[in-house]
Amino acid sequence: MAERQPYPSDLSGEAWELIRPVITAWKGQHRSVSGHEGRYEMREIVNAILYQARVGCQWRYLPHDFPPYTAVYYYFGLWRDDGTDQTIHDLLRWQVRESKGRGEDPSAIVMDSQTVHVSCNAPKETTGLDPGKKSWGRKRGIATDVLGLLIAVIVVAASVHDNAIGITLLDQVAADNPTVTKGWVDAGFKNAVVEHGRSLGIDVEVVSRAPQTKGFAPAPRRWIVEQTFGSLMLHRRLARDYERLPASSASWIRWSMTDVMTHRLTATTTPSWRDPPPARLPGPA
């Protein structure tokens, strides 16, 4: 990294120290037969993944001052499949919760889904038509805590009903966060989700929009998950689902939230794609 100009998406030294222990432990468990440590710095691999999340370019368009795109994709796929991306994400989530005076594990969640269009390389069997939104693509289902931090995620065809998404999310939450006893959802989730939550010891409450409300109004409790979707969408890789595998889509959501949490923990920000360009210096007359 010392040999190139930094990108706004690069990890600061402080942010890298939050992630480095997990990557170092992973490297220690995945040594090559020859004992070679690898050609590329792991910090640069993570920087390239976060660049991808923020910019959303094709792999082959990854700037040449990063490690080769084949190497970056290799690690992205490995960490997606062995759960390293989840480990990094969860470690940072615990730290953010503790920094806010919360326990490591949540006691309440908020769930919602989001339909997004897909690119042409997404297999037909992983996509579908959302009958409510009349939109073809995939659905992202997420569960967050009351701070808006990601607890569980699932990516499925848009034709899948919110009930099925909610049930799967509840199963993930109950398996990984047994401390959760309360949940809030919108009216798209029906009685099946409420009953399934009850069977898992989670009291799921449907929060409906007040009938007299006009225009935009944040829904009590539910607004936090909408805020999370908004934060995630600042990462252009998520503006559309470009992935062949739904598992890759879920991994990009975790990496994008990892990016959000590193900035929360280091009290830093990066420019969003909505920010105006910097003022141009006056040129010669």
Protein backbone atom coordinates (compact mmCIF):
# COMPACT_ATOMS: atom_id res chain seq x y z
CA MET A 1 0.00 0.00 0.00
CA ALA A 2 2.98 2.31 0.59
CA GLU A 3 3.65 2.10 -3.14
CA ARG A 4 0.29 3.47 -4.25
CA GLN A 5 -2.03 6.37 -3.56
CA PRO A 6 -4.77 5.42 -1.05
CA TYR A 7 -8.42 5.08 -2.03
CA PRO A 8 -11.21 6.46 0.19
CA SER A 9 -12.35 2.88 0.83
CA ASP A 10 -8.96 1.76 2.21
CA LEU A 11 -8.74 0.63 5.81
CA SER A 12 -6.95 3.04 8.10
CA GLY A 13 -4.23 1.63 10.31
CA GLU A 14 -6.65 1.66 13.26
CA ALA A 15 -9.37 -0.08 11.26
CA TRP A 16 -6.97 -2.74 9.98
CA GLU A 17 -5.98 -3.56 13.57
CA LEU A 18 -9.65 -4.42 14.24
CA ILE A 19 -9.62 -7.03 11.47
CA ARG A 20 -6.00 -8.17 11.47
CA PRO A 21 -6.26 -10.72 14.34
CA VAL A 22 -8.90 -12.74 12.48
CA ILE A 23 -6.95 -12.68 9.21
CA THR A 24 -3.68 -13.54 10.98
CA ALA A 25 -5.31 -16.51 12.71
CA TRP A 26 -6.82 -17.64 9.40
CA LYS A 27 -3.45 -17.44 7.67
CA GLY A 28 -1.90 -19.46 10.46
CA GLN A 29 -4.41 -22.24 9.83
CA HIS A 30 -4.02 -22.16 6.04
CA ARG A 31 -0.30 -22.35 5.39
CA SER A 32 0.83 -23.74 2.05
CA VAL A 33 2.54 -27.12 1.91
CA SER A 34 5.83 -25.35 1.17
CA GLY A 35 5.33 -22.99 4.09
CA HIS A 36 5.14 -19.97 1.77
CA GLU A 37 3.35 -17.02 3.40
CA GLY A 38 1.75 -15.85 0.17
CA ARG A 39 2.63 -13.19 -2.38
CA TYR A 40 0.10 -10.53 -1.41
CA GLU A 41 -0.46 -8.55 1.77
CA MET A 42 -3.73 -9.52 3.42
CA ARG A 43 -4.49 -5.89 4.19
CA GLU A 44 -4.41 -5.16 0.46
CA ILE A 45 -6.73 -8.09 -0.25
CA VAL A 46 -9.25 -6.69 2.24
CA ASN A 47 -8.79 -3.18 0.83
CA ALA A 48 -9.58 -4.53 -2.65
CA ILE A 49 -12.74 -6.27 -1.37
CA LEU A 50 -13.91 -3.07 0.32
CA TYR A 51 -13.14 -1.11 -2.85
CA GLN A 52 -15.33 -3.56 -4.76
CA ALA A 53 -18.13 -3.11 -2.22
CA ARG A 54 -18.07 0.68 -2.50
CA VAL A 55 -17.44 1.01 -6.26
CA GLY A 56 -19.15 -2.10 -7.65
CA CYS A 57 -16.93 -2.60 -10.69
CA GLN A 58 -16.50 -5.89 -12.53
CA TRP A 59 -13.70 -8.03 -11.15
CA ARG A 60 -11.56 -7.49 -14.25
CA TYR A 61 -11.86 -3.73 -13.80
CA LEU A 62 -10.23 -3.80 -10.37
CA PRO A 63 -7.41 -1.19 -10.46
CA HIS A 64 -3.99 -2.61 -11.24
CA ASP A 65 -2.39 -1.20 -8.09
CA PHE A 66 -4.36 -3.77 -6.09
CA PRO A 67 -3.36 -7.44 -6.13
CA PRO A 68 -4.63 -9.23 -9.29
CA TYR A 69 -8.40 -9.61 -9.38
CA THR A 70 -8.01 -13.40 -9.53
CA ALA A 71 -6.22 -13.35 -6.16
CA VAL A 72 -8.79 -11.02 -4.61
CA TYR A 73 -11.68 -13.15 -5.87
CA TYR A 74 -9.90 -16.28 -4.61
CA TYR A 75 -9.84 -14.93 -1.05
CA PHE A 76 -13.36 -13.49 -1.31
CA GLY A 77 -14.66 -16.95 -2.27
CA LEU A 78 -12.65 -18.76 0.40
CA TRP A 79 -13.78 -16.40 3.16
CA ARG A 80 -17.38 -16.59 1.93
CA ASP A 81 -17.39 -20.38 2.01
CA ASP A 82 -15.53 -20.97 5.28
CA GLY A 83 -17.33 -18.24 7.22
CA THR A 84 -14.36 -15.92 7.74
CA ASP A 85 -16.39 -12.96 6.47
CA GLN A 86 -19.01 -13.81 9.10
CA THR A 87 -16.36 -14.09 11.83
CA ILE A 88 -14.92 -10.66 11.00
CA HIS A 89 -18.39 -9.15 10.83
CA ASP A 90 -19.56 -10.61 14.14
CA LEU A 91 -16.38 -9.57 15.97
CA LEU A 92 -16.88 -5.96 14.88
CA ARG A 93 -20.59 -6.08 15.76
CA TRP A 94 -19.77 -7.16 19.32
CA GLN A 95 -17.31 -4.28 19.60
CA VAL A 96 -19.80 -1.72 18.29
CA ARG A 97 -22.44 -2.96 20.74
CA GLU A 98 -20.00 -2.78 23.65
CA SER A 99 -18.95 0.74 22.62
CA LYS A 100 -22.62 1.73 22.93
CA GLY A 101 -22.93 0.21 26.39
CA ARG A 102 -24.76 -2.89 25.18
CA GLY A 103 -24.05 -6.55 25.84
CA GLU A 104 -22.32 -8.55 23.12
CA ASP A 105 -25.51 -10.39 22.21
CA PRO A 106 -28.83 -8.71 21.35
CA SER A 107 -32.16 -9.38 23.01
CA ALA A 108 -34.37 -7.91 20.26
CA ILE A 109 -34.36 -7.84 16.46
CA VAL A 110 -36.10 -6.08 13.59
CA MET A 111 -36.67 -7.91 10.29
CA ASP A 112 -37.45 -6.72 6.78
CA SER A 113 -36.85 -7.64 3.13
CA GLN A 114 -35.71 -5.71 0.07
CA THR A 115 -36.28 -6.61 -3.58
CA VAL A 116 -33.50 -5.73 -6.02
CA HIS A 117 -32.98 -6.23 -9.74
CA VAL A 118 -30.38 -8.74 -10.88
CA SER A 119 -27.77 -8.71 -13.62
CA CYS A 120 -27.98 -10.96 -16.63
CA ASN A 121 -25.50 -13.49 -15.21
CA ALA A 122 -27.78 -14.50 -12.32
CA PRO A 123 -29.12 -18.03 -12.94
CA LYS A 124 -32.84 -18.06 -13.63
CA GLU A 125 -33.50 -20.60 -10.87
CA THR A 126 -32.18 -18.12 -8.27
CA THR A 127 -34.43 -15.25 -9.38
CA GLY A 128 -38.18 -14.66 -9.51
CA LEU A 129 -41.00 -12.13 -9.68
CA ASP A 130 -42.01 -10.21 -6.57
CA PRO A 131 -45.80 -10.11 -7.05
CA GLY A 132 -46.24 -7.18 -4.67
CA LYS A 133 -43.65 -4.90 -6.26
CA LYS A 134 -44.04 -6.34 -9.79
CA SER A 135 -40.26 -6.56 -9.91
CA TRP A 136 -38.06 -9.40 -11.16
CA GLY A 137 -34.93 -10.20 -9.20
CA ARG A 138 -33.92 -11.35 -5.73
CA LYS A 139 -34.93 -10.54 -2.20
CA ARG A 140 -32.58 -9.70 0.63
CA GLY A 141 -33.94 -10.52 4.05
CA ILE A 142 -32.13 -9.11 7.05
CA ALA A 143 -32.53 -9.07 10.80
CA THR A 144 -30.88 -6.25 12.75
CA ASP A 145 -30.55 -5.38 16.41
CA VAL A 146 -31.97 -2.12 17.80
CA LEU A 147 -28.75 -0.33 16.79
CA GLY A 148 -29.24 -1.34 13.16
CA LEU A 149 -26.40 -3.87 13.19
CA LEU A 150 -26.78 -6.98 11.07
CA ILE A 151 -27.73 -10.15 12.96
CA ALA A 152 -28.83 -12.46 10.12
CA VAL A 153 -29.10 -12.29 6.33
CA ILE A 154 -30.62 -14.40 3.57
CA VAL A 155 -30.77 -13.85 -0.21
CA VAL A 156 -33.44 -15.69 -2.23
CA ALA A 157 -35.51 -15.33 -5.39
CA ALA A 158 -37.88 -12.36 -5.29
CA SER A 159 -40.82 -14.76 -5.69
CA VAL A 160 -40.20 -16.19 -2.20
CA HIS A 161 -42.82 -14.97 0.28
CA ASP A 162 -41.75 -12.85 3.24
CA ASN A 163 -43.11 -15.58 5.52
CA ALA A 164 -40.49 -18.05 4.29
CA ILE A 165 -37.80 -15.38 4.61
CA GLY A 166 -38.89 -14.49 8.13
CA ILE A 167 -38.94 -18.11 9.25
CA THR A 168 -35.42 -18.70 7.91
CA LEU A 169 -34.14 -15.52 9.56
CA LEU A 170 -35.69 -16.52 12.87
CA ASP A 171 -34.00 -19.92 12.65
CA GLN A 172 -30.63 -18.23 12.05
CA VAL A 173 -31.21 -15.81 14.92
CA ALA A 174 -32.26 -18.54 17.36
CA ALA A 175 -29.25 -20.70 16.44
CA ASP A 176 -26.62 -17.95 16.69
CA ASN A 177 -28.20 -15.53 19.20
CA PRO A 178 -30.28 -17.46 21.76
CA THR A 179 -30.53 -14.29 23.87
CA VAL A 180 -33.10 -12.81 21.44
CA THR A 181 -36.64 -12.86 22.88
CA LYS A 182 -38.37 -10.05 20.96
CA GLY A 183 -38.81 -9.17 17.29
CA TRP A 184 -40.60 -6.57 15.17
CA VAL A 185 -41.70 -6.97 11.53
CA ASP A 186 -43.92 -5.17 9.04
CA ALA A 187 -47.30 -6.32 7.76
CA GLY A 188 -45.67 -8.29 4.93
CA PHE A 189 -44.82 -10.97 7.47
CA LYS A 190 -47.92 -12.94 8.41
CA ASN A 191 -49.06 -15.17 11.27
CA ALA A 192 -46.75 -18.01 10.22
CA VAL A 193 -43.74 -15.89 11.23
CA VAL A 194 -45.36 -14.91 14.54
CA GLU A 195 -46.17 -18.54 15.33
CA HIS A 196 -42.71 -19.74 14.34
CA GLY A 197 -41.16 -17.10 16.55
CA ARG A 198 -43.31 -18.26 19.43
CA SER A 199 -42.06 -21.82 18.95
CA LEU A 200 -38.49 -20.49 19.24
CA GLY A 201 -39.20 -18.36 22.30
CA ILE A 202 -39.23 -15.09 20.33
CA ASP A 203 -42.21 -12.76 20.66
CA VAL A 204 -42.68 -11.40 17.12
CA GLU A 205 -44.83 -8.27 16.85
CA VAL A 206 -46.23 -6.95 13.56
CA VAL A 207 -45.90 -3.15 13.41
CA SER A 208 -48.37 -1.74 10.90
CA ARG A 209 -48.49 1.73 9.41
CA ALA A 210 -51.10 3.93 11.09
CA PRO A 211 -54.07 4.24 8.68
CA GLN A 212 -54.33 8.03 9.14
CA THR A 213 -50.65 8.62 8.31
CA LYS A 214 -49.98 10.59 5.13
CA GLY A 215 -46.66 10.74 3.33
CA PHE A 216 -43.46 9.38 4.79
CA ALA A 217 -43.39 8.62 8.49
CA PRO A 218 -40.86 6.36 10.27
CA ALA A 219 -42.63 3.31 11.68
CA PRO A 220 -41.99 2.72 15.39
CA ARG A 221 -39.24 0.14 15.97
CA ARG A 222 -39.19 -0.80 12.27
CA TRP A 223 -37.42 2.34 11.08
CA ILE A 224 -34.03 1.06 12.21
CA VAL A 225 -33.94 -1.78 9.67
CA GLU A 226 -34.86 0.67 6.90
CA GLN A 227 -31.95 2.85 8.01
CA THR A 228 -29.67 -0.18 7.74
CA PHE A 229 -30.79 -0.85 4.17
CA GLY A 230 -30.06 2.80 3.39
CA SER A 231 -26.54 2.56 4.80
CA LEU A 232 -25.87 -0.63 2.87
CA MET A 233 -27.05 0.92 -0.40
CA LEU A 234 -24.22 3.46 -0.24
CA HIS A 235 -22.15 0.49 -1.40
CA ARG A 236 -22.68 0.33 -5.15
CA ARG A 237 -22.06 -3.41 -5.31
CA LEU A 238 -25.48 -3.71 -3.63
CA ALA A 239 -27.33 -1.29 -5.91
CA ARG A 240 -28.18 -4.34 -8.04
CA ASP A 241 -27.54 -8.03 -7.43
CA TYR A 242 -24.62 -8.85 -9.73
CA GLU A 243 -23.80 -12.24 -8.23
CA ARG A 244 -24.20 -15.67 -9.75
CA LEU A 245 -24.47 -17.23 -6.28
CA PRO A 246 -26.90 -15.92 -3.64
CA ALA A 247 -24.20 -16.82 -1.09
CA SER A 248 -21.95 -14.20 -2.72
CA SER A 249 -24.75 -11.64 -2.44
CA ALA A 250 -25.05 -12.35 1.29
CA SER A 251 -21.28 -12.08 1.67
CA TRP A 252 -21.27 -8.62 0.04
CA ILE A 253 -23.90 -7.52 2.54
CA ARG A 254 -21.67 -8.67 5.40
CA TRP A 255 -18.60 -6.96 3.92
CA SER A 256 -20.56 -3.74 3.39
CA MET A 257 -21.72 -3.79 7.00
CA THR A 258 -18.13 -4.55 8.06
CA ASP A 259 -17.14 -1.36 6.25
CA VAL A 260 -19.85 0.59 8.08
CA MET A 261 -18.76 -0.78 11.47
CA THR A 262 -15.04 -0.07 10.98
CA HIS A 263 -15.94 3.57 10.44
CA ARG A 264 -18.19 3.60 13.48
CA LEU A 265 -15.45 2.16 15.66
CA THR A 266 -12.78 4.54 14.36
CA ALA A 267 -15.08 7.60 14.22
CA THR A 268 -14.31 8.19 10.53
CA THR A 269 -16.36 8.62 7.38
CA THR A 270 -15.83 8.18 3.67
CA PRO A 271 -17.47 10.18 0.86
CA SER A 272 -20.76 8.76 -0.34
CA TRP A 273 -21.66 8.63 -4.02
CA ARG A 274 -24.17 11.41 -3.30
CA ASP A 275 -21.46 13.81 -2.10
CA PRO A 276 -20.70 16.67 -4.53
CA PRO A 277 -17.31 16.54 -6.27
CA PRO A 278 -14.55 18.67 -4.72
CA ALA A 279 -14.28 22.22 -5.97
CA ARG A 280 -11.96 22.54 -8.95
CA LEU A 281 -8.98 24.86 -8.60
CA PRO A 282 -8.99 27.76 -11.05
CA GLY A 283 -6.88 27.05 -14.10
CA PRO A 284 -4.85 29.43 -16.20
CA ALA A 285 -6.78 32.19 -17.91
